[in-house]
Amino acid sequence: SAAAAASSPSSDQPPANKAVHVVVKGRVQGVGFRDWTAETAESLGLAGWVRNNRRDGTVEALLSGDPAKVDEMVIRRLPVGPPAAAVTAVVTSPADHIHPSLGFEIKLTV
């Protein structure tokens, strides 16, 4: 029936966007980590933001977009970081996704 068809997910729909809040620990400030994160996230088509957290020396980010690309960033890219970084941990928590049109920004240090 038409009602049943309307309620079932369409197979050609892209997967729902995924969003995570990330805290990156280690030697991640003063090594170009924010610029690198922004460039890498943009290359993967992700929206969100990145900033230094002066209180605890971490870098925080919100990554939103295609689930496979978010996972790529969290699992394969952030643990390595730019050349001068030394990442010791990447801690993720769920976040509300943001619209892709907002792009990716480097926020001021908190």
PDB file of N, CA and C in Angstrom:
ATOM      1  N   SER A   1       0.834  -1.194   0.000  1.00  0.00           N
ATOM      2  CA  SER A   1       0.000   0.000   0.000  1.00  0.00           C
ATOM      3  C   SER A   1       0.870   1.247   0.000  1.00  0.00           C
ATOM      4  N   ALA A   2       0.275   2.359  -0.367  1.00  0.00           N
ATOM      5  CA  ALA A   2       1.018   3.617  -0.427  1.00  0.00           C
ATOM      6  C   ALA A   2       1.483   4.043   0.968  1.00  0.00           C
ATOM      7  N   ALA A   3       0.644   3.787   1.957  1.00  0.00           N
ATOM      8  CA  ALA A   3       1.001   4.181   3.320  1.00  0.00           C
ATOM      9  C   ALA A   3       2.227   3.408   3.793  1.00  0.00           C
ATOM     10  N   ALA A   4       2.277   2.120   3.484  1.00  0.00           N
ATOM     11  CA  ALA A   4       3.424   1.312   3.896  1.00  0.00           C
ATOM     12  C   ALA A   4       4.685   1.778   3.186  1.00  0.00           C
ATOM     13  N   ALA A   5       4.565   2.114   1.911  1.00  0.00           N
ATOM     14  CA  ALA A   5       5.723   2.567   1.147  1.00  0.00           C
ATOM     15  C   ALA A   5       6.252   3.888   1.702  1.00  0.00           C
ATOM     16  N   ALA A   6       5.335   4.757   2.130  1.00  0.00           N
ATOM     17  CA  ALA A   6       5.745   6.064   2.637  1.00  0.00           C
ATOM     18  C   ALA A   6       6.495   5.935   3.956  1.00  0.00           C
ATOM     19  N   SER A   7       6.171   4.911   4.742  1.00  0.00           N
ATOM     20  CA  SER A   7       6.792   4.802   6.056  1.00  0.00           C
ATOM     21  C   SER A   7       8.119   4.043   6.017  1.00  0.00           C
ATOM     22  N   SER A   8       8.376   3.303   4.941  1.00  0.00           N
ATOM     23  CA  SER A   8       9.639   2.566   4.882  1.00  0.00           C
ATOM     24  C   SER A   8      10.737   3.470   4.336  1.00  0.00           C
ATOM     25  N   PRO A   9      11.947   3.355   4.876  1.00  0.00           N
ATOM     26  CA  PRO A   9      13.023   4.235   4.398  1.00  0.00           C
ATOM     27  C   PRO A   9      13.372   3.938   2.945  1.00  0.00           C
ATOM     28  N   SER A  10      13.607   4.974   2.199  1.00  0.00           N
ATOM     29  CA  SER A  10      13.947   4.813   0.790  1.00  0.00           C
ATOM     30  C   SER A  10      15.394   4.347   0.671  1.00  0.00           C
ATOM     31  N   SER A  11      15.655   3.413  -0.222  1.00  0.00           N
ATOM     32  CA  SER A  11      16.997   2.835  -0.318  1.00  0.00           C
ATOM     33  C   SER A  11      18.009   3.810  -0.924  1.00  0.00           C
ATOM     34  N   ASP A  12      17.521   4.842  -1.614  1.00  0.00           N
ATOM     35  CA  ASP A  12      18.491   5.760  -2.222  1.00  0.00           C
ATOM     36  C   ASP A  12      18.782   6.981  -1.334  1.00  0.00           C
ATOM     37  N   GLN A  13      18.269   6.976  -0.119  1.00  0.00           N
ATOM     38  CA  GLN A  13      18.562   8.066   0.804  1.00  0.00           C
ATOM     39  C   GLN A  13      19.981   7.895   1.365  1.00  0.00           C
ATOM     40  N   PRO A  14      20.738   8.986   1.503  1.00  0.00           N
ATOM     41  CA  PRO A  14      22.048   8.859   2.140  1.00  0.00           C
ATOM     42  C   PRO A  14      21.866   8.515   3.617  1.00  0.00           C
ATOM     43  N   PRO A  15      22.871   7.930   4.248  1.00  0.00           N
ATOM     44  CA  PRO A  15      22.743   7.622   5.677  1.00  0.00           C
ATOM     45  C   PRO A  15      22.579   8.912   6.471  1.00  0.00           C
ATOM     46  N   ALA A  16      21.898   8.810   7.592  1.00  0.00           N
ATOM     47  CA  ALA A  16      21.724   9.988   8.440  1.00  0.00           C
ATOM     48  C   ALA A  16      23.092  10.494   8.878  1.00  0.00           C
ATOM     49  N   ASN A  17      23.222  11.805   9.005  1.00  0.00           N
ATOM     50  CA  ASN A  17      24.492  12.363   9.443  1.00  0.00           C
ATOM     51  C   ASN A  17      24.814  11.939  10.865  1.00  0.00           C
ATOM     52  N   LYS A  18      26.090  11.867  11.142  1.00  0.00           N
ATOM     53  CA  LYS A  18      26.593  11.525  12.469  1.00  0.00           C
ATOM     54  C   LYS A  18      27.347  12.735  12.979  1.00  0.00           C
ATOM     55  N   ALA A  19      27.273  12.961  14.280  1.00  0.00           N
ATOM     56  CA  ALA A  19      28.034  14.059  14.865  1.00  0.00           C
ATOM     57  C   ALA A  19      28.640  13.610  16.187  1.00  0.00           C
ATOM     58  N   VAL A  20      29.883  13.994  16.399  1.00  0.00           N
ATOM     59  CA  VAL A  20      30.555  13.679  17.654  1.00  0.00           C
ATOM     60  C   VAL A  20      31.308  14.890  18.174  1.00  0.00           C
ATOM     61  N   HIS A  21      31.354  14.994  19.490  1.00  0.00           N
ATOM     62  CA  HIS A  21      32.227  15.959  20.154  1.00  0.00           C
ATOM     63  C   HIS A  21      33.491  15.194  20.501  1.00  0.00           C
ATOM     64  N   VAL A  22      34.642  15.784  20.215  1.00  0.00           N
ATOM     65  CA  VAL A  22      35.908  15.093  20.391  1.00  0.00           C
ATOM     66  C   VAL A  22      36.832  15.931  21.272  1.00  0.00           C
ATOM     67  N   VAL A  23      37.500  15.265  22.202  1.00  0.00           N
ATOM     68  CA  VAL A  23      38.566  15.908  22.977  1.00  0.00           C
ATOM     69  C   VAL A  23      39.852  15.161  22.654  1.00  0.00           C
ATOM     70  N   VAL A  24      40.842  15.894  22.135  1.00  0.00           N
ATOM     71  CA  VAL A  24      42.120  15.292  21.754  1.00  0.00           C
ATOM     72  C   VAL A  24      43.157  15.691  22.792  1.00  0.00           C
ATOM     73  N   LYS A  25      43.786  14.666  23.387  1.00  0.00           N
ATOM     74  CA  LYS A  25      44.773  14.902  24.446  1.00  0.00           C
ATOM     75  C   LYS A  25      46.174  14.607  23.939  1.00  0.00           C
ATOM     76  N   GLY A  26      47.164  15.202  24.622  1.00  0.00           N
ATOM     77  CA  GLY A  26      48.554  14.994  24.246  1.00  0.00           C
ATOM     78  C   GLY A  26      49.230  16.319  23.949  1.00  0.00           C
ATOM     79  N   ARG A  27      50.294  16.278  23.118  1.00  0.00           N
ATOM     80  CA  ARG A  27      50.942  17.522  22.692  1.00  0.00           C
ATOM     81  C   ARG A  27      50.210  17.990  21.442  1.00  0.00           C
ATOM     82  N   VAL A  28      49.136  18.763  21.664  1.00  0.00           N
ATOM     83  CA  VAL A  28      48.252  19.129  20.556  1.00  0.00           C
ATOM     84  C   VAL A  28      48.037  20.632  20.434  1.00  0.00           C
ATOM     85  N   GLN A  29      48.686  21.416  21.303  1.00  0.00           N
ATOM     86  CA  GLN A  29      48.593  22.868  21.171  1.00  0.00           C
ATOM     87  C   GLN A  29      49.952  23.414  20.741  1.00  0.00           C
ATOM     88  N   GLY A  30      49.913  24.417  19.860  1.00  0.00           N
ATOM     89  CA  GLY A  30      51.153  25.022  19.383  1.00  0.00           C
ATOM     90  C   GLY A  30      51.840  24.189  18.314  1.00  0.00           C
ATOM     91  N   VAL A  31      51.117  23.234  17.719  1.00  0.00           N
ATOM     92  CA  VAL A  31      51.707  22.368  16.692  1.00  0.00           C
ATOM     93  C   VAL A  31      50.890  22.416  15.391  1.00  0.00           C
ATOM     94  N   GLY A  32      50.012  23.432  15.269  1.00  0.00           N
ATOM     95  CA  GLY A  32      49.196  23.553  14.067  1.00  0.00           C
ATOM     96  C   GLY A  32      48.021  22.591  14.028  1.00  0.00           C
ATOM     97  N   PHE A  33      47.631  22.102  15.204  1.00  0.00           N
ATOM     98  CA  PHE A  33      46.584  21.072  15.236  1.00  0.00           C
ATOM     99  C   PHE A  33      45.238  21.602  14.766  1.00  0.00           C
ATOM    100  N   ARG A  34      44.900  22.838  15.154  1.00  0.00           N
ATOM    101  CA  ARG A  34      43.597  23.382  14.738  1.00  0.00           C
ATOM    102  C   ARG A  34      43.531  23.558  13.223  1.00  0.00           C
ATOM    103  N   ASP A  35      44.567  24.151  12.647  1.00  0.00           N
ATOM    104  CA  ASP A  35      44.568  24.341  11.185  1.00  0.00           C
ATOM    105  C   ASP A  35      44.506  22.994  10.471  1.00  0.00           C
ATOM    106  N   TRP A  36      45.290  22.044  10.953  1.00  0.00           N
ATOM    107  CA  TRP A  36      45.313  20.707  10.354  1.00  0.00           C
ATOM    108  C   TRP A  36      43.944  20.046  10.451  1.00  0.00           C
ATOM    109  N   THR A  37      43.303  20.172  11.625  1.00  0.00           N
ATOM    110  CA  THR A  37      41.977  19.576  11.822  1.00  0.00           C
ATOM    111  C   THR A  37      40.964  20.197  10.870  1.00  0.00           C
ATOM    112  N   ALA A  38      40.995  21.516  10.738  1.00  0.00           N
ATOM    113  CA  ALA A  38      40.055  22.196   9.853  1.00  0.00           C
ATOM    114  C   ALA A  38      40.266  21.751   8.404  1.00  0.00           C
ATOM    115  N   GLU A  39      41.524  21.715   7.975  1.00  0.00           N
ATOM    116  CA  GLU A  39      41.815  21.311   6.591  1.00  0.00           C
ATOM    117  C   GLU A  39      41.392  19.870   6.340  1.00  0.00           C
ATOM    118  N   THR A  40      41.683  18.985   7.308  1.00  0.00           N
ATOM    119  CA  THR A  40      41.366  17.568   7.146  1.00  0.00           C
ATOM    120  C   THR A  40      39.857  17.353   7.145  1.00  0.00           C
ATOM    121  N   ALA A  41      39.168  18.013   8.072  1.00  0.00           N
ATOM    122  CA  ALA A  41      37.711  17.879   8.141  1.00  0.00           C
ATOM    123  C   ALA A  41      37.064  18.385   6.852  1.00  0.00           C
ATOM    124  N   GLU A  42      37.548  19.518   6.352  1.00  0.00           N
ATOM    125  CA  GLU A  42      36.993  20.076   5.112  1.00  0.00           C
ATOM    126  C   GLU A  42      37.249  19.136   3.943  1.00  0.00           C
ATOM    127  N   SER A  43      38.411  18.501   3.926  1.00  0.00           N
ATOM    128  CA  SER A  43      38.722  17.588   2.820  1.00  0.00           C
ATOM    129  C   SER A  43      37.810  16.363   2.847  1.00  0.00           C
ATOM    130  N   LEU A  44      37.289  16.034   4.018  1.00  0.00           N
ATOM    131  CA  LEU A  44      36.369  14.911   4.154  1.00  0.00           C
ATOM    132  C   LEU A  44      34.908  15.351   4.030  1.00  0.00           C
ATOM    133  N   GLY A  45      34.693  16.651   3.834  1.00  0.00           N
ATOM    134  CA  GLY A  45      33.338  17.160   3.677  1.00  0.00           C
ATOM    135  C   GLY A  45      32.572  17.305   4.982  1.00  0.00           C
ATOM    136  N   LEU A  46      33.302  17.416   6.092  1.00  0.00           N
ATOM    137  CA  LEU A  46      32.639  17.532   7.389  1.00  0.00           C
ATOM    138  C   LEU A  46      32.389  18.983   7.767  1.00  0.00           C
ATOM    139  N   ALA A  47      31.346  19.192   8.550  1.00  0.00           N
ATOM    140  CA  ALA A  47      31.063  20.493   9.145  1.00  0.00           C
ATOM    141  C   ALA A  47      31.426  20.419  10.618  1.00  0.00           C
ATOM    142  N   GLY A  48      31.558  21.587  11.253  1.00  0.00           N
ATOM    143  CA  GLY A  48      31.845  21.610  12.681  1.00  0.00           C
ATOM    144  C   GLY A  48      32.807  22.703  13.059  1.00  0.00           C
ATOM    145  N   TRP A  49      33.554  22.464  14.124  1.00  0.00           N
ATOM    146  CA  TRP A  49      34.508  23.463  14.622  1.00  0.00           C
ATOM    147  C   TRP A  49      35.619  22.791  15.410  1.00  0.00           C
ATOM    148  N   VAL A  50      36.678  23.550  15.647  1.00  0.00           N
ATOM    149  CA  VAL A  50      37.800  23.082  16.457  1.00  0.00           C
ATOM    150  C   VAL A  50      38.322  24.265  17.261  1.00  0.00           C
ATOM    151  N   ARG A  51      38.789  23.991  18.488  1.00  0.00           N
ATOM    152  CA  ARG A  51      39.372  25.058  19.308  1.00  0.00           C
ATOM    153  C   ARG A  51      40.312  24.461  20.339  1.00  0.00           C
ATOM    154  N   ASN A  52      41.243  25.286  20.817  1.00  0.00           N
ATOM    155  CA  ASN A  52      42.095  24.897  21.938  1.00  0.00           C
ATOM    156  C   ASN A  52      41.331  25.112  23.233  1.00  0.00           C
ATOM    157  N   ASN A  53      41.571  24.242  24.198  1.00  0.00           N
ATOM    158  CA  ASN A  53      41.044  24.428  25.541  1.00  0.00           C
ATOM    159  C   ASN A  53      42.245  24.697  26.442  1.00  0.00           C
ATOM    160  N   ARG A  54      42.437  25.957  26.767  1.00  0.00           N
ATOM    161  CA  ARG A  54      43.633  26.366  27.511  1.00  0.00           C
ATOM    162  C   ARG A  54      43.670  25.746  28.908  1.00  0.00           C
ATOM    163  N   ARG A  55      42.494  25.516  29.509  1.00  0.00           N
ATOM    164  CA  ARG A  55      42.454  25.005  30.886  1.00  0.00           C
ATOM    165  C   ARG A  55      43.164  23.671  31.036  1.00  0.00           C
ATOM    166  N   ASP A  56      42.946  22.756  30.072  1.00  0.00           N
ATOM    167  CA  ASP A  56      43.529  21.421  30.242  1.00  0.00           C
ATOM    168  C   ASP A  56      44.488  21.025  29.123  1.00  0.00           C
ATOM    169  N   GLY A  57      44.774  21.964  28.214  1.00  0.00           N
ATOM    170  CA  GLY A  57      45.761  21.688  27.177  1.00  0.00           C
ATOM    171  C   GLY A  57      45.272  20.783  26.052  1.00  0.00           C
ATOM    172  N   THR A  58      43.958  20.565  25.986  1.00  0.00           N
ATOM    173  CA  THR A  58      43.408  19.702  24.935  1.00  0.00           C
ATOM    174  C   THR A  58      42.955  20.528  23.738  1.00  0.00           C
ATOM    175  N   VAL A  59      42.650  19.826  22.664  1.00  0.00           N
ATOM    176  CA  VAL A  59      41.961  20.422  21.526  1.00  0.00           C
ATOM    177  C   VAL A  59      40.583  19.778  21.482  1.00  0.00           C
ATOM    178  N   GLU A  60      39.556  20.620  21.362  1.00  0.00           N
ATOM    179  CA  GLU A  60      38.182  20.149  21.269  1.00  0.00           C
ATOM    180  C   GLU A  60      37.679  20.352  19.860  1.00  0.00           C
ATOM    181  N   ALA A  61      36.839  19.439  19.399  1.00  0.00           N
ATOM    182  CA  ALA A  61      36.248  19.612  18.082  1.00  0.00           C
ATOM    183  C   ALA A  61      34.842  19.035  18.050  1.00  0.00           C
ATOM    184  N   LEU A  62      34.034  19.562  17.149  1.00  0.00           N
ATOM    185  CA  LEU A  62      32.753  18.962  16.829  1.00  0.00           C
ATOM    186  C   LEU A  62      32.811  18.597  15.361  1.00  0.00           C
ATOM    187  N   LEU A  63      32.547  17.336  15.068  1.00  0.00           N
ATOM    188  CA  LEU A  63      32.622  16.832  13.698  1.00  0.00           C
ATOM    189  C   LEU A  63      31.255  16.316  13.300  1.00  0.00           C
ATOM    190  N   SER A  64      30.740  16.802  12.175  1.00  0.00           N
ATOM    191  CA  SER A  64      29.400  16.432  11.750  1.00  0.00           C
ATOM    192  C   SER A  64      29.393  16.156  10.263  1.00  0.00           C
ATOM    193  N   GLY A  65      28.738  15.048   9.875  1.00  0.00           N
ATOM    194  CA  GLY A  65      28.633  14.735   8.457  1.00  0.00           C
ATOM    195  C   GLY A  65      28.392  13.264   8.218  1.00  0.00           C
ATOM    196  N   ASP A  66      28.836  12.806   7.056  1.00  0.00           N
ATOM    197  CA  ASP A  66      28.680  11.411   6.674  1.00  0.00           C
ATOM    198  C   ASP A  66      29.320  10.507   7.729  1.00  0.00           C
ATOM    199  N   PRO A  67      28.582   9.503   8.230  1.00  0.00           N
ATOM    200  CA  PRO A  67      29.117   8.660   9.308  1.00  0.00           C
ATOM    201  C   PRO A  67      30.479   8.039   8.989  1.00  0.00           C
ATOM    202  N   ALA A  68      30.673   7.589   7.763  1.00  0.00           N
ATOM    203  CA  ALA A  68      31.956   6.973   7.403  1.00  0.00           C
ATOM    204  C   ALA A  68      33.090   7.993   7.467  1.00  0.00           C
ATOM    205  N   LYS A  69      32.790   9.244   7.093  1.00  0.00           N
ATOM    206  CA  LYS A  69      33.823  10.289   7.110  1.00  0.00           C
ATOM    207  C   LYS A  69      34.124  10.733   8.537  1.00  0.00           C
ATOM    208  N   VAL A  70      33.091  10.793   9.386  1.00  0.00           N
ATOM    209  CA  VAL A  70      33.306  11.120  10.797  1.00  0.00           C
ATOM    210  C   VAL A  70      34.186  10.046  11.431  1.00  0.00           C
ATOM    211  N   ASP A  71      33.869   8.769  11.152  1.00  0.00           N
ATOM    212  CA  ASP A  71      34.670   7.672  11.694  1.00  0.00           C
ATOM    213  C   ASP A  71      36.105   7.731  11.191  1.00  0.00           C
ATOM    214  N   GLU A  72      36.280   8.045   9.904  1.00  0.00           N
ATOM    215  CA  GLU A  72      37.620   8.172   9.316  1.00  0.00           C
ATOM    216  C   GLU A  72      38.430   9.220  10.088  1.00  0.00           C
ATOM    217  N   MET A  73      37.790  10.352  10.380  1.00  0.00           N
ATOM    218  CA  MET A  73      38.457  11.444  11.094  1.00  0.00           C
ATOM    219  C   MET A  73      38.833  11.012  12.510  1.00  0.00           C
ATOM    220  N   VAL A  74      37.885  10.379  13.209  1.00  0.00           N
ATOM    221  CA  VAL A  74      38.085  10.022  14.614  1.00  0.00           C
ATOM    222  C   VAL A  74      39.054   8.853  14.771  1.00  0.00           C
ATOM    223  N   ILE A  75      38.929   7.853  13.904  1.00  0.00           N
ATOM    224  CA  ILE A  75      39.692   6.616  14.082  1.00  0.00           C
ATOM    225  C   ILE A  75      41.069   6.671  13.419  1.00  0.00           C
ATOM    226  N   ARG A  76      41.137   7.308  12.239  1.00  0.00           N
ATOM    227  CA  ARG A  76      42.381   7.247  11.463  1.00  0.00           C
ATOM    228  C   ARG A  76      43.165   8.546  11.413  1.00  0.00           C
ATOM    229  N   ARG A  77      42.480   9.692  11.458  1.00  0.00           N
ATOM    230  CA  ARG A  77      43.191  10.966  11.268  1.00  0.00           C
ATOM    231  C   ARG A  77      43.604  11.625  12.586  1.00  0.00           C
ATOM    232  N   LEU A  78      42.626  11.837  13.489  1.00  0.00           N
ATOM    233  CA  LEU A  78      42.939  12.550  14.733  1.00  0.00           C
ATOM    234  C   LEU A  78      43.992  11.859  15.600  1.00  0.00           C
ATOM    235  N   PRO A  79      44.004  10.521  15.694  1.00  0.00           N
ATOM    236  CA  PRO A  79      45.032   9.889  16.536  1.00  0.00           C
ATOM    237  C   PRO A  79      46.464  10.132  16.040  1.00  0.00           C
ATOM    238  N   VAL A  80      46.600  10.501  14.773  1.00  0.00           N
ATOM    239  CA  VAL A  80      47.916  10.783  14.199  1.00  0.00           C
ATOM    240  C   VAL A  80      48.216  12.275  14.272  1.00  0.00           C
ATOM    241  N   GLY A  81      47.281  13.080  13.761  1.00  0.00           N
ATOM    242  CA  GLY A  81      47.451  14.525  13.808  1.00  0.00           C
ATOM    243  C   GLY A  81      48.522  15.022  12.860  1.00  0.00           C
ATOM    244  N   PRO A  82      48.840  16.319  12.952  1.00  0.00           N
ATOM    245  CA  PRO A  82      49.905  16.891  12.123  1.00  0.00           C
ATOM    246  C   PRO A  82      51.269  16.397  12.612  1.00  0.00           C
ATOM    247  N   PRO A  83      52.327  16.621  11.820  1.00  0.00           N
ATOM    248  CA  PRO A  83      53.640  16.035  12.119  1.00  0.00           C
ATOM    249  C   PRO A  83      54.186  16.304  13.522  1.00  0.00           C
ATOM    250  N   ALA A  84      53.998  17.502  14.053  1.00  0.00           N
ATOM    251  CA  ALA A  84      54.608  17.835  15.342  1.00  0.00           C
ATOM    252  C   ALA A  84      53.777  17.393  16.547  1.00  0.00           C
ATOM    253  N   ALA A  85      52.576  16.912  16.304  1.00  0.00           N
ATOM    254  CA  ALA A  85      51.694  16.535  17.406  1.00  0.00           C
ATOM    255  C   ALA A  85      52.072  15.176  17.976  1.00  0.00           C
ATOM    256  N   ALA A  86      51.686  14.973  19.243  1.00  0.00           N
ATOM    257  CA  ALA A  86      51.819  13.664  19.886  1.00  0.00           C
ATOM    258  C   ALA A  86      50.513  13.389  20.616  1.00  0.00           C
ATOM    259  N   VAL A  87      49.594  12.711  19.944  1.00  0.00           N
ATOM    260  CA  VAL A  87      48.267  12.469  20.498  1.00  0.00           C
ATOM    261  C   VAL A  87      48.306  11.258  21.426  1.00  0.00           C
ATOM    262  N   THR A  88      47.778  11.439  22.628  1.00  0.00           N
ATOM    263  CA  THR A  88      47.737  10.332  23.588  1.00  0.00           C
ATOM    264  C   THR A  88      46.338   9.740  23.730  1.00  0.00           C
ATOM    265  N   ALA A  89      45.303  10.508  23.401  1.00  0.00           N
ATOM    266  CA  ALA A  89      43.936   9.993  23.510  1.00  0.00           C
ATOM    267  C   ALA A  89      42.993  10.825  22.663  1.00  0.00           C
ATOM    268  N   VAL A  90      41.971  10.167  22.142  1.00  0.00           N
ATOM    269  CA  VAL A  90      40.877  10.846  21.438  1.00  0.00           C
ATOM    270  C   VAL A  90      39.594  10.353  22.100  1.00  0.00           C
ATOM    271  N   VAL A  91      38.928  11.260  22.821  1.00  0.00           N
ATOM    272  CA  VAL A  91      37.731  10.898  23.585  1.00  0.00           C
ATOM    273  C   VAL A  91      36.510  11.478  22.882  1.00  0.00           C
ATOM    274  N   THR A  92      35.562  10.617  22.508  1.00  0.00           N
ATOM    275  CA  THR A  92      34.383  11.089  21.770  1.00  0.00           C
ATOM    276  C   THR A  92      33.125  10.948  22.603  1.00  0.00           C
ATOM    277  N   SER A  93      32.171  11.817  22.322  1.00  0.00           N
ATOM    278  CA  SER A  93      30.843  11.714  22.902  1.00  0.00           C
ATOM    279  C   SER A  93      29.843  12.167  21.844  1.00  0.00           C
ATOM    280  N   PRO A  94      28.598  11.699  21.910  1.00  0.00           N
ATOM    281  CA  PRO A  94      27.607  12.080  20.903  1.00  0.00           C
ATOM    282  C   PRO A  94      27.353  13.580  20.928  1.00  0.00           C
ATOM    283  N   ALA A  95      26.981  14.119  19.765  1.00  0.00           N
ATOM    284  CA  ALA A  95      26.666  15.545  19.667  1.00  0.00           C
ATOM    285  C   ALA A  95      25.529  15.719  18.674  1.00  0.00           C
ATOM    286  N   ASP A  96      24.917  16.896  18.703  1.00  0.00           N
ATOM    287  CA  ASP A  96      23.878  17.211  17.723  1.00  0.00           C
ATOM    288  C   ASP A  96      24.556  17.585  16.417  1.00  0.00           C
ATOM    289  N   HIS A  97      24.061  17.034  15.305  1.00  0.00           N
ATOM    290  CA  HIS A  97      24.709  17.345  14.033  1.00  0.00           C
ATOM    291  C   HIS A  97      24.366  18.762  13.610  1.00  0.00           C
ATOM    292  N   ILE A  98      25.241  19.339  12.820  1.00  0.00           N
ATOM    293  CA  ILE A  98      25.027  20.690  12.333  1.00  0.00           C
ATOM    294  C   ILE A  98      24.902  20.665  10.819  1.00  0.00           C
ATOM    295  N   HIS A  99      24.259  21.676  10.283  1.00  0.00           N
ATOM    296  CA  HIS A  99      23.974  21.688   8.848  1.00  0.00           C
ATOM    297  C   HIS A  99      25.271  21.823   8.050  1.00  0.00           C
ATOM    298  N   PRO A 100      25.436  20.993   7.005  1.00  0.00           N
ATOM    299  CA  PRO A 100      26.669  21.025   6.203  1.00  0.00           C
ATOM    300  C   PRO A 100      27.001  22.410   5.656  1.00  0.00           C
ATOM    301  N   SER A 101      25.970  23.238   5.423  1.00  0.00           N
ATOM    302  CA  SER A 101      26.217  24.564   4.838  1.00  0.00           C
ATOM    303  C   SER A 101      26.998  25.468   5.791  1.00  0.00           C
ATOM    304  N   LEU A 102      27.041  25.116   7.062  1.00  0.00           N
ATOM    305  CA  LEU A 102      27.768  25.942   8.029  1.00  0.00           C
ATOM    306  C   LEU A 102      29.276  25.771   7.905  1.00  0.00           C
ATOM    307  N   GLY A 103      29.697  24.689   7.276  1.00  0.00           N
ATOM    308  CA  GLY A 103      31.125  24.490   7.047  1.00  0.00           C
ATOM    309  C   GLY A 103      31.877  24.201   8.329  1.00  0.00           C
ATOM    310  N   PHE A 104      33.194  24.427   8.275  1.00  0.00           N
ATOM    311  CA  PHE A 104      34.059  24.107   9.416  1.00  0.00           C
ATOM    312  C   PHE A 104      34.795  25.356   9.844  1.00  0.00           C
ATOM    313  N   GLU A 105      34.786  25.641  11.132  1.00  0.00           N
ATOM    314  CA  GLU A 105      35.446  26.865  11.609  1.00  0.00           C
ATOM    315  C   GLU A 105      36.430  26.585  12.726  1.00  0.00           C
ATOM    316  N   ILE A 106      37.425  27.458  12.830  1.00  0.00           N
ATOM    317  CA  ILE A 106      38.362  27.435  13.946  1.00  0.00           C
ATOM    318  C   ILE A 106      37.854  28.458  14.952  1.00  0.00           C
ATOM    319  N   LYS A 107      37.467  27.977  16.126  1.00  0.00           N
ATOM    320  CA  LYS A 107      36.930  28.872  17.152  1.00  0.00           C
ATOM    321  C   LYS A 107      38.048  29.401  18.040  1.00  0.00           C
ATOM    322  N   LEU A 108      37.727  30.472  18.753  1.00  0.00           N
ATOM    323  CA  LEU A 108      38.689  31.062  19.673  1.00  0.00           C
ATOM    324  C   LEU A 108      38.951  30.109  20.835  1.00  0.00           C
ATOM    325  N   THR A 109      40.157  30.163  21.361  1.00  0.00           N
ATOM    326  CA  THR A 109      40.541  29.366  22.527  1.00  0.00           C
ATOM    327  C   THR A 109      39.643  29.711  23.707  1.00  0.00           C
ATOM    328  N   VAL A 110      39.265  28.688  24.475  1.00  0.00           N
ATOM    329  CA  VAL A 110      38.479  28.935  25.687  1.00  0.00           C
ATOM    330  C   VAL A 110      39.349  28.726  26.912  1.00  0.00           C
TER     331      VAL A 110
END
